[in-house]
Amino acid sequence: MKENTPKYIEIIQWIEQQILDKKLVPGQKMYSENELKDMFVVSRQTVRHAISVLEKDGILRKIQGSGTYINDSRMADLKKRTLVAVVTTYVDDYIFPRTIQGIEDVLFENGYSVQISFTNNQNSREKTILEDIINRDEVAGVIMETTKSGLPNQNLNLYREIQKRKIPILFINSYYPSLKIPHVSINDRMAGRRMTRYLISRGHCKIGGIFKLDDGQGLLRYAGYVDAMIEAGLAIDETRIVWVDTEDVKHLEKLHQKIIDRIKDCTGLFCYNDEVAAGVISILKVEGLKVPDNISIVSVDNSELAALGEVPLTSITHPMEKLGERAAENLLRMMKDPFYDGNYEFEVNIVKRNSVKRI
């Protein structure tokens, strides 16, 4: 139990744990107020407050003239379920197959089956999937990648409905700041900060960036870029920044002239990820510009695009499979303990290749 936890929360957590451990079962009469008061050395008012919260959550029910009983039908039902919904934005992206594999490996080992869905990073598709999870009434837990988490989202009420139904849910790669739902991701702000620092350490001062504006990862990586520039006393020139969205990334060549105009006086460039970096290298090639001779480029993910591309990229590692494994492990913990904090951010490391030169 965490220090300074309110006494009524201690009582709630203890009762819910007793139910999860099957020491209290549906239909069983609950301890009396006096018994709980003596067990936890608290006032009767504190006990009544805890009981009231559990009643509102549907875990306890009072029967007039008889007492308070375990009415844990939802939690008991969740324990019987063995299906976990796993939802990512894409299936063919270079990160997701390995992340999904990590999730599946852990869940299968623990006796759970997996239903995989894809939003294609569209809010309308996300809405359909969330409604299906709610209506099917057979899902034990949810691992979900956010959809355009850098923008306001129309589906937050559906996430709250899932929480209301006591179905554990965990985000991967990013999260919605307005929801109290844990996430497993890399430390994106650190990624932006460390990679920009690396360019600075190699003598670069005129550093530009290409960042994704419709997801939280892009915003955090930009924040890390800003951190590093300020720490180094370097001016942040917004004319050297290119903001792109999901559709732009798919067709980066359409932004050819805009990108060239923005980065033409840069010696170093931080790209949102390896996919964006590969697209920029193609654009530079058309212009007769070479990496790193004319401009140094760094990115995030350390995917095959970084390792095997025409120009091997210096890139921040993404744990991919390990991230999936950690997400599944944390969700399992959350399913056993509703108060477990499932948040986890992986430290980041730089894999240095030939895309950066010293000035």
Protein backbone atom coordinates (compact mmCIF):
# COMPACT_ATOMS: atom_id res chain seq x y z
CA MET A 1 0.00 0.00 0.00
CA LYS A 2 1.37 3.44 -0.95
CA GLU A 3 2.11 5.89 1.83
CA ASN A 4 -0.54 8.56 2.48
CA THR A 5 -3.25 6.47 0.80
CA PRO A 6 -6.62 7.59 2.24
CA LYS A 7 -8.08 5.05 4.67
CA TYR A 8 -11.27 4.59 2.70
CA ILE A 9 -9.18 3.70 -0.39
CA GLU A 10 -7.32 1.09 1.67
CA ILE A 11 -10.65 -0.51 2.57
CA ILE A 12 -11.83 -0.44 -1.08
CA GLN A 13 -8.59 -1.99 -2.34
CA TRP A 14 -8.66 -4.67 0.34
CA ILE A 15 -12.26 -5.68 -0.43
CA GLU A 16 -11.59 -5.80 -4.19
CA GLN A 17 -8.48 -7.91 -3.60
CA GLN A 18 -10.48 -10.29 -1.42
CA ILE A 19 -12.94 -10.68 -4.30
CA LEU A 20 -10.17 -11.25 -6.85
CA ASP A 21 -8.63 -13.88 -4.53
CA LYS A 22 -12.08 -15.48 -4.17
CA LYS A 23 -12.03 -15.03 -0.40
CA LEU A 24 -15.22 -13.02 -0.89
CA VAL A 25 -17.57 -14.38 -3.55
CA PRO A 26 -20.76 -13.10 -5.21
CA GLY A 27 -23.75 -13.48 -2.88
CA GLN A 28 -21.62 -13.61 0.27
CA LYS A 29 -22.52 -11.26 3.10
CA MET A 30 -20.04 -8.47 3.64
CA TYR A 31 -18.30 -7.73 6.93
CA SER A 32 -20.30 -5.38 9.12
CA GLU A 33 -19.40 -1.73 9.55
CA ASN A 34 -18.23 -2.46 13.10
CA GLU A 35 -15.98 -5.30 11.93
CA LEU A 36 -14.40 -3.15 9.22
CA LYS A 37 -14.02 -0.24 11.64
CA ASP A 38 -12.06 -2.43 14.06
CA MET A 39 -10.04 -4.16 11.33
CA PHE A 40 -8.76 -0.90 9.83
CA VAL A 41 -8.87 1.24 13.01
CA VAL A 42 -10.93 3.95 11.35
CA SER A 43 -14.14 5.81 12.03
CA ARG A 44 -17.57 4.48 11.06
CA GLN A 45 -17.86 7.42 8.64
CA THR A 46 -14.73 6.25 6.77
CA VAL A 47 -16.13 2.72 6.47
CA ARG A 48 -19.47 4.03 5.20
CA HIS A 49 -17.70 6.16 2.59
CA ALA A 50 -15.79 3.11 1.27
CA ILE A 51 -18.97 1.01 1.19
CA SER A 52 -20.79 3.80 -0.64
CA VAL A 53 -18.09 3.96 -3.36
CA LEU A 54 -18.22 0.19 -3.84
CA GLU A 55 -22.01 0.32 -4.05
CA LYS A 56 -21.83 2.96 -6.80
CA ASP A 57 -19.37 0.76 -8.68
CA GLY A 58 -21.78 -2.16 -8.46
CA ILE A 59 -19.41 -4.30 -6.41
CA LEU A 60 -21.52 -4.28 -3.23
CA ARG A 61 -25.28 -4.10 -2.78
CA LYS A 62 -27.35 -3.37 0.28
CA ILE A 63 -30.50 -5.35 1.04
CA GLN A 64 -32.88 -3.53 3.35
CA GLY A 65 -33.10 -5.23 6.71
CA SER A 66 -30.53 -7.87 5.80
CA GLY A 67 -27.13 -6.27 5.24
CA THR A 68 -24.52 -5.65 2.57
CA TYR A 69 -23.57 -8.38 0.08
CA ILE A 70 -20.96 -9.00 -2.59
CA ASN A 71 -22.52 -8.10 -5.92
CA ASP A 72 -19.37 -8.49 -7.94
CA SER A 73 -20.96 -9.91 -11.06
CA ARG A 74 -18.90 -7.74 -13.40
CA MET A 75 -15.52 -8.48 -11.82
CA ALA A 76 -16.37 -12.16 -11.49
CA ASP A 77 -17.40 -12.19 -15.14
CA LEU A 78 -14.15 -10.51 -16.19
CA LYS A 79 -12.18 -13.25 -14.45
CA LYS A 80 -13.92 -15.84 -16.65
CA ARG A 81 -13.10 -14.04 -19.90
CA THR A 82 -10.03 -15.04 -21.88
CA LEU A 83 -10.15 -12.67 -24.88
CA VAL A 84 -7.88 -9.63 -25.12
CA ALA A 85 -8.54 -7.01 -27.81
CA VAL A 86 -5.34 -5.67 -29.39
CA VAL A 87 -5.80 -2.60 -31.59
CA THR A 88 -3.04 -0.86 -33.55
CA THR A 89 -3.13 1.78 -36.26
CA TYR A 90 -1.59 -0.30 -39.05
CA VAL A 91 -0.67 -3.91 -39.78
CA ASP A 92 2.11 -3.44 -42.34
CA ASP A 93 4.13 -0.71 -40.63
CA TYR A 94 7.68 -1.78 -39.82
CA ILE A 95 7.10 -1.57 -36.04
CA PHE A 96 3.75 -3.26 -35.48
CA PRO A 97 4.33 -6.88 -36.59
CA ARG A 98 7.07 -7.33 -33.99
CA THR A 99 5.14 -5.43 -31.32
CA ILE A 100 2.05 -7.58 -31.92
CA GLN A 101 4.22 -10.70 -31.79
CA GLY A 102 5.50 -9.66 -28.37
CA ILE A 103 1.95 -9.11 -27.12
CA GLU A 104 0.70 -12.42 -28.49
CA ASP A 105 3.58 -14.43 -27.03
CA VAL A 106 2.92 -13.23 -23.48
CA LEU A 107 -0.87 -13.47 -23.64
CA PHE A 108 -0.90 -16.95 -25.22
CA GLU A 109 1.50 -18.19 -22.53
CA ASN A 110 -0.97 -17.00 -19.92
CA GLY A 111 -3.99 -18.70 -21.48
CA TYR A 112 -5.53 -15.73 -23.30
CA SER A 113 -6.63 -15.50 -26.91
CA VAL A 114 -6.08 -12.34 -28.93
CA GLN A 115 -8.36 -10.44 -31.28
CA ILE A 116 -6.37 -8.03 -33.47
CA SER A 117 -7.93 -4.98 -35.15
CA PHE A 118 -6.53 -2.00 -37.05
CA THR A 119 -7.82 1.59 -37.08
CA ASN A 120 -5.76 2.77 -40.09
CA ASN A 121 -5.27 5.83 -37.87
CA GLN A 122 -8.87 6.92 -38.53
CA ASN A 123 -11.18 8.13 -35.75
CA SER A 124 -14.23 6.63 -37.44
CA ARG A 125 -12.62 3.18 -37.51
CA GLU A 126 -11.48 3.60 -33.90
CA LYS A 127 -15.08 4.39 -32.95
CA THR A 128 -16.40 1.22 -34.63
CA ILE A 129 -13.82 -0.96 -32.89
CA LEU A 130 -14.47 0.56 -29.46
CA GLU A 131 -18.25 0.13 -29.85
CA ASP A 132 -17.69 -3.50 -30.82
CA ILE A 133 -15.57 -4.09 -27.70
CA ILE A 134 -18.30 -2.58 -25.52
CA ASN A 135 -21.18 -4.43 -27.18
CA ARG A 136 -19.57 -7.88 -27.34
CA ASP A 137 -19.33 -8.13 -23.54
CA GLU A 138 -16.62 -10.81 -23.70
CA VAL A 139 -13.37 -8.86 -23.58
CA ALA A 140 -11.11 -9.31 -20.53
CA GLY A 141 -8.74 -6.46 -21.40
CA VAL A 142 -7.67 -4.04 -24.15
CA ILE A 143 -4.28 -3.02 -25.53
CA MET A 144 -4.83 -0.03 -27.77
CA GLU A 145 -2.72 2.26 -29.90
CA THR A 146 -4.09 5.76 -29.98
CA THR A 147 -5.46 7.37 -33.13
CA LYS A 148 -3.99 10.81 -33.91
CA SER A 149 -3.32 11.47 -30.24
CA GLY A 150 -1.98 14.94 -30.99
CA LEU A 151 -5.48 16.13 -31.93
CA PRO A 152 -8.83 16.35 -30.07
CA ASN A 153 -10.54 12.96 -30.16
CA GLN A 154 -14.27 12.30 -30.57
CA ASN A 155 -14.15 8.85 -28.97
CA LEU A 156 -13.00 9.63 -25.44
CA ASN A 157 -16.49 8.89 -24.08
CA LEU A 158 -16.19 5.32 -25.42
CA TYR A 159 -12.91 4.84 -23.56
CA ARG A 160 -14.61 6.10 -20.41
CA GLU A 161 -17.42 3.61 -20.94
CA ILE A 162 -14.87 0.78 -21.13
CA GLN A 163 -13.32 2.02 -17.89
CA LYS A 164 -16.77 2.24 -16.30
CA ARG A 165 -17.29 -1.43 -17.14
CA LYS A 166 -14.09 -2.27 -15.22
CA ILE A 167 -12.36 -3.59 -18.35
CA PRO A 168 -8.61 -2.92 -17.99
CA ILE A 169 -7.24 -0.88 -20.88
CA LEU A 170 -3.67 0.13 -21.70
CA PHE A 171 -2.27 2.33 -24.48
CA ILE A 172 0.89 1.61 -26.47
CA ASN A 173 3.27 4.07 -28.19
CA SER A 174 1.24 7.12 -27.19
CA TYR A 175 -1.74 8.17 -25.06
CA TYR A 176 -4.58 10.67 -24.73
CA PRO A 177 -3.53 13.20 -22.05
CA SER A 178 -7.10 13.83 -20.89
CA LEU A 179 -7.70 10.16 -20.04
CA LYS A 180 -6.34 8.45 -16.92
CA ILE A 181 -5.29 5.34 -18.81
CA PRO A 182 -1.73 3.96 -18.48
CA HIS A 183 0.59 3.64 -21.46
CA VAL A 184 3.70 1.72 -22.49
CA SER A 185 5.95 3.57 -24.92
CA ILE A 186 9.44 4.86 -25.48
CA ASN A 187 10.35 8.13 -23.79
CA ASP A 188 9.62 10.29 -26.84
CA ARG A 189 10.71 13.57 -25.32
CA MET A 190 14.01 12.00 -24.33
CA ALA A 191 14.37 10.66 -27.88
CA GLY A 192 14.03 14.14 -29.33
CA ARG A 193 16.38 15.63 -26.77
CA ARG A 194 19.12 13.00 -27.06
CA MET A 195 19.17 12.94 -30.85
CA THR A 196 19.32 16.73 -31.11
CA ARG A 197 22.09 16.78 -28.52
CA TYR A 198 23.98 14.27 -30.65
CA LEU A 199 23.82 16.54 -33.70
CA ILE A 200 24.99 19.45 -31.55
CA SER A 201 27.87 17.36 -30.21
CA ARG A 202 28.97 16.80 -33.80
CA GLY A 203 29.23 20.54 -34.36
CA HIS A 204 25.82 21.25 -35.88
CA CYS A 205 24.09 24.52 -34.98
CA LYS A 206 21.64 24.98 -37.84
CA ILE A 207 19.39 22.06 -37.03
CA GLY A 208 15.98 21.59 -38.62
CA GLY A 209 13.25 19.06 -37.96
CA ILE A 210 10.36 17.22 -39.56
CA PHE A 211 7.73 16.32 -36.97
CA LYS A 212 4.33 14.68 -37.08
CA LEU A 213 1.66 17.04 -35.78
CA ASP A 214 -1.31 14.69 -35.42
CA ASP A 215 0.12 12.31 -32.87
CA GLY A 216 1.49 12.83 -29.38
CA GLN A 217 4.81 11.21 -30.24
CA GLY A 218 5.58 13.93 -32.77
CA LEU A 219 4.74 16.68 -30.30
CA LEU A 220 6.89 15.12 -27.58
CA ARG A 221 9.84 14.60 -29.94
CA TYR A 222 9.58 18.24 -30.96
CA ALA A 223 9.53 19.23 -27.29
CA GLY A 224 12.74 17.25 -26.78
CA TYR A 225 14.30 19.00 -29.78
CA VAL A 226 13.38 22.36 -28.23
CA ASP A 227 14.84 21.26 -24.86
CA ALA A 228 18.20 20.41 -26.43
CA MET A 229 18.39 23.59 -28.50
CA ILE A 230 17.64 25.78 -25.48
CA GLU A 231 20.15 23.88 -23.31
CA ALA A 232 22.83 24.52 -25.94
CA GLY A 233 21.92 28.19 -26.27
CA LEU A 234 20.97 27.76 -29.92
CA ALA A 235 18.26 29.75 -31.63
CA ILE A 236 15.14 27.82 -32.66
CA ASP A 237 14.28 28.94 -36.18
CA GLU A 238 10.70 27.88 -36.95
CA THR A 239 11.35 28.30 -40.67
CA ARG A 240 13.53 25.16 -40.41
CA ILE A 241 10.66 23.06 -39.02
CA VAL A 242 8.29 21.06 -41.24
CA TRP A 243 5.05 19.75 -39.72
CA VAL A 244 3.46 16.76 -41.44
CA ASP A 245 0.41 14.60 -40.76
CA THR A 246 -0.38 10.92 -41.33
CA GLU A 247 -1.35 11.40 -44.99
CA ASP A 248 1.71 13.55 -45.70
CA VAL A 249 4.02 10.80 -44.48
CA LYS A 250 2.52 8.37 -47.00
CA HIS A 251 3.19 10.80 -49.87
CA LEU A 252 6.15 12.86 -48.73
CA GLU A 253 7.20 13.52 -52.31
CA LYS A 254 4.23 15.89 -52.64
CA LEU A 255 5.95 18.15 -50.10
CA HIS A 256 9.19 18.12 -52.09
CA GLN A 257 9.56 21.88 -52.56
CA LYS A 258 8.32 22.79 -49.08
CA ILE A 259 10.85 20.47 -47.46
CA ILE A 260 13.72 21.74 -49.61
CA ASP A 261 12.80 25.38 -48.90
CA ARG A 262 12.67 24.75 -45.14
CA ILE A 263 15.89 22.77 -44.74
CA LYS A 264 18.07 24.38 -47.43
CA ASP A 265 20.37 26.15 -44.94
CA CYS A 266 20.41 23.34 -42.34
CA THR A 267 23.50 21.24 -41.67
CA GLY A 268 21.56 18.75 -39.55
CA LEU A 269 18.01 17.43 -39.64
CA PHE A 270 16.01 15.45 -37.07
CA CYS A 271 13.29 13.37 -38.72
CA TYR A 272 10.20 12.09 -36.87
CA ASN A 273 11.01 8.47 -37.78
CA ASP A 274 12.93 6.26 -40.23
CA GLU A 275 10.09 6.33 -42.77
CA VAL A 276 10.18 10.13 -42.93
CA ALA A 277 13.99 10.11 -43.07
CA ALA A 278 13.98 7.68 -46.01
CA GLY A 279 11.50 9.92 -47.84
CA VAL A 280 13.64 12.99 -47.23
CA ILE A 281 16.74 11.22 -48.53
CA SER A 282 14.87 10.45 -51.76
CA ILE A 283 13.86 14.12 -52.11
CA LEU A 284 17.44 15.26 -51.50
CA LYS A 285 18.70 12.82 -54.13
CA VAL A 286 16.46 14.43 -56.75
CA GLU A 287 18.06 17.76 -55.84
CA GLY A 288 21.54 16.31 -56.20
CA LEU A 289 22.18 16.57 -52.46
CA LYS A 290 23.87 13.84 -50.46
CA VAL A 291 23.67 12.58 -46.88
CA PRO A 292 25.80 13.32 -44.90
CA ASP A 293 27.96 15.42 -47.26
CA ASN A 294 25.38 18.19 -47.71
CA ILE A 295 23.18 17.53 -44.67
CA SER A 296 23.30 15.11 -41.73
CA ILE A 297 20.10 13.22 -40.91
CA VAL A 298 18.98 11.38 -37.75
CA SER A 299 15.70 9.69 -36.92
CA VAL A 300 13.81 7.36 -34.57
CA ASP A 301 12.92 3.62 -34.58
CA ASN A 302 16.16 1.96 -35.76
CA SER A 303 14.16 -0.17 -38.18
CA GLU A 304 15.34 -2.04 -41.26
CA LEU A 305 14.88 1.21 -43.17
CA ALA A 306 17.63 2.69 -41.02
CA ALA A 307 19.97 -0.29 -41.15
CA LEU A 308 19.54 -1.34 -44.79
CA GLY A 309 18.67 1.88 -46.60
CA GLU A 310 20.80 3.51 -49.27
CA VAL A 311 22.26 5.68 -46.52
CA PRO A 312 22.50 3.82 -43.17
CA LEU A 313 20.77 6.08 -40.65
CA THR A 314 21.77 7.12 -37.16
CA SER A 315 18.58 6.32 -35.29
CA ILE A 316 17.03 5.99 -31.83
CA THR A 317 16.16 2.42 -30.88
CA HIS A 318 12.55 1.31 -30.60
CA PRO A 319 12.10 -1.86 -28.48
CA MET A 320 9.24 -3.15 -30.70
CA GLU A 321 8.86 -6.74 -29.47
CA LYS A 322 9.93 -5.93 -25.92
CA LEU A 323 7.42 -3.09 -25.87
CA GLY A 324 4.69 -5.55 -26.84
CA GLU A 325 5.79 -7.99 -24.16
CA ARG A 326 5.85 -5.28 -21.50
CA ALA A 327 2.41 -4.02 -22.53
CA ALA A 328 0.94 -7.54 -22.23
CA GLU A 329 2.64 -8.13 -18.88
CA ASN A 330 1.35 -4.84 -17.50
CA LEU A 331 -2.18 -5.52 -18.73
CA LEU A 332 -2.14 -8.92 -17.01
CA ARG A 333 -1.07 -7.20 -13.79
CA MET A 334 -3.89 -4.67 -14.20
CA MET A 335 -6.39 -7.50 -14.70
CA LYS A 336 -5.34 -9.00 -11.38
CA ASP A 337 -4.96 -5.71 -9.52
CA PRO A 338 -7.26 -2.83 -10.59
CA PHE A 339 -4.97 -0.37 -8.79
CA TYR A 340 -1.73 -1.45 -10.48
CA ASP A 341 0.02 1.42 -12.31
CA GLY A 342 0.61 0.09 -15.82
CA ASN A 343 2.65 3.07 -17.05
CA TYR A 344 6.12 2.36 -18.42
CA GLU A 345 8.45 4.30 -20.71
CA PHE A 346 11.54 2.68 -22.22
CA GLU A 347 14.87 4.49 -22.08
CA VAL A 348 16.26 5.34 -25.51
CA ASN A 349 19.65 4.67 -27.08
CA ILE A 350 21.32 5.97 -30.22
CA VAL A 351 22.61 3.59 -32.90
CA LYS A 352 25.26 5.55 -34.77
CA ARG A 353 25.71 5.01 -38.50
CA ASN A 354 26.98 7.01 -41.47
CA SER A 355 24.25 9.64 -41.82
CA VAL A 356 25.98 12.23 -39.61
CA LYS A 357 29.26 13.99 -40.23
CA ARG A 358 31.26 16.14 -37.87
CA ILE A 359 31.50 19.81 -38.71
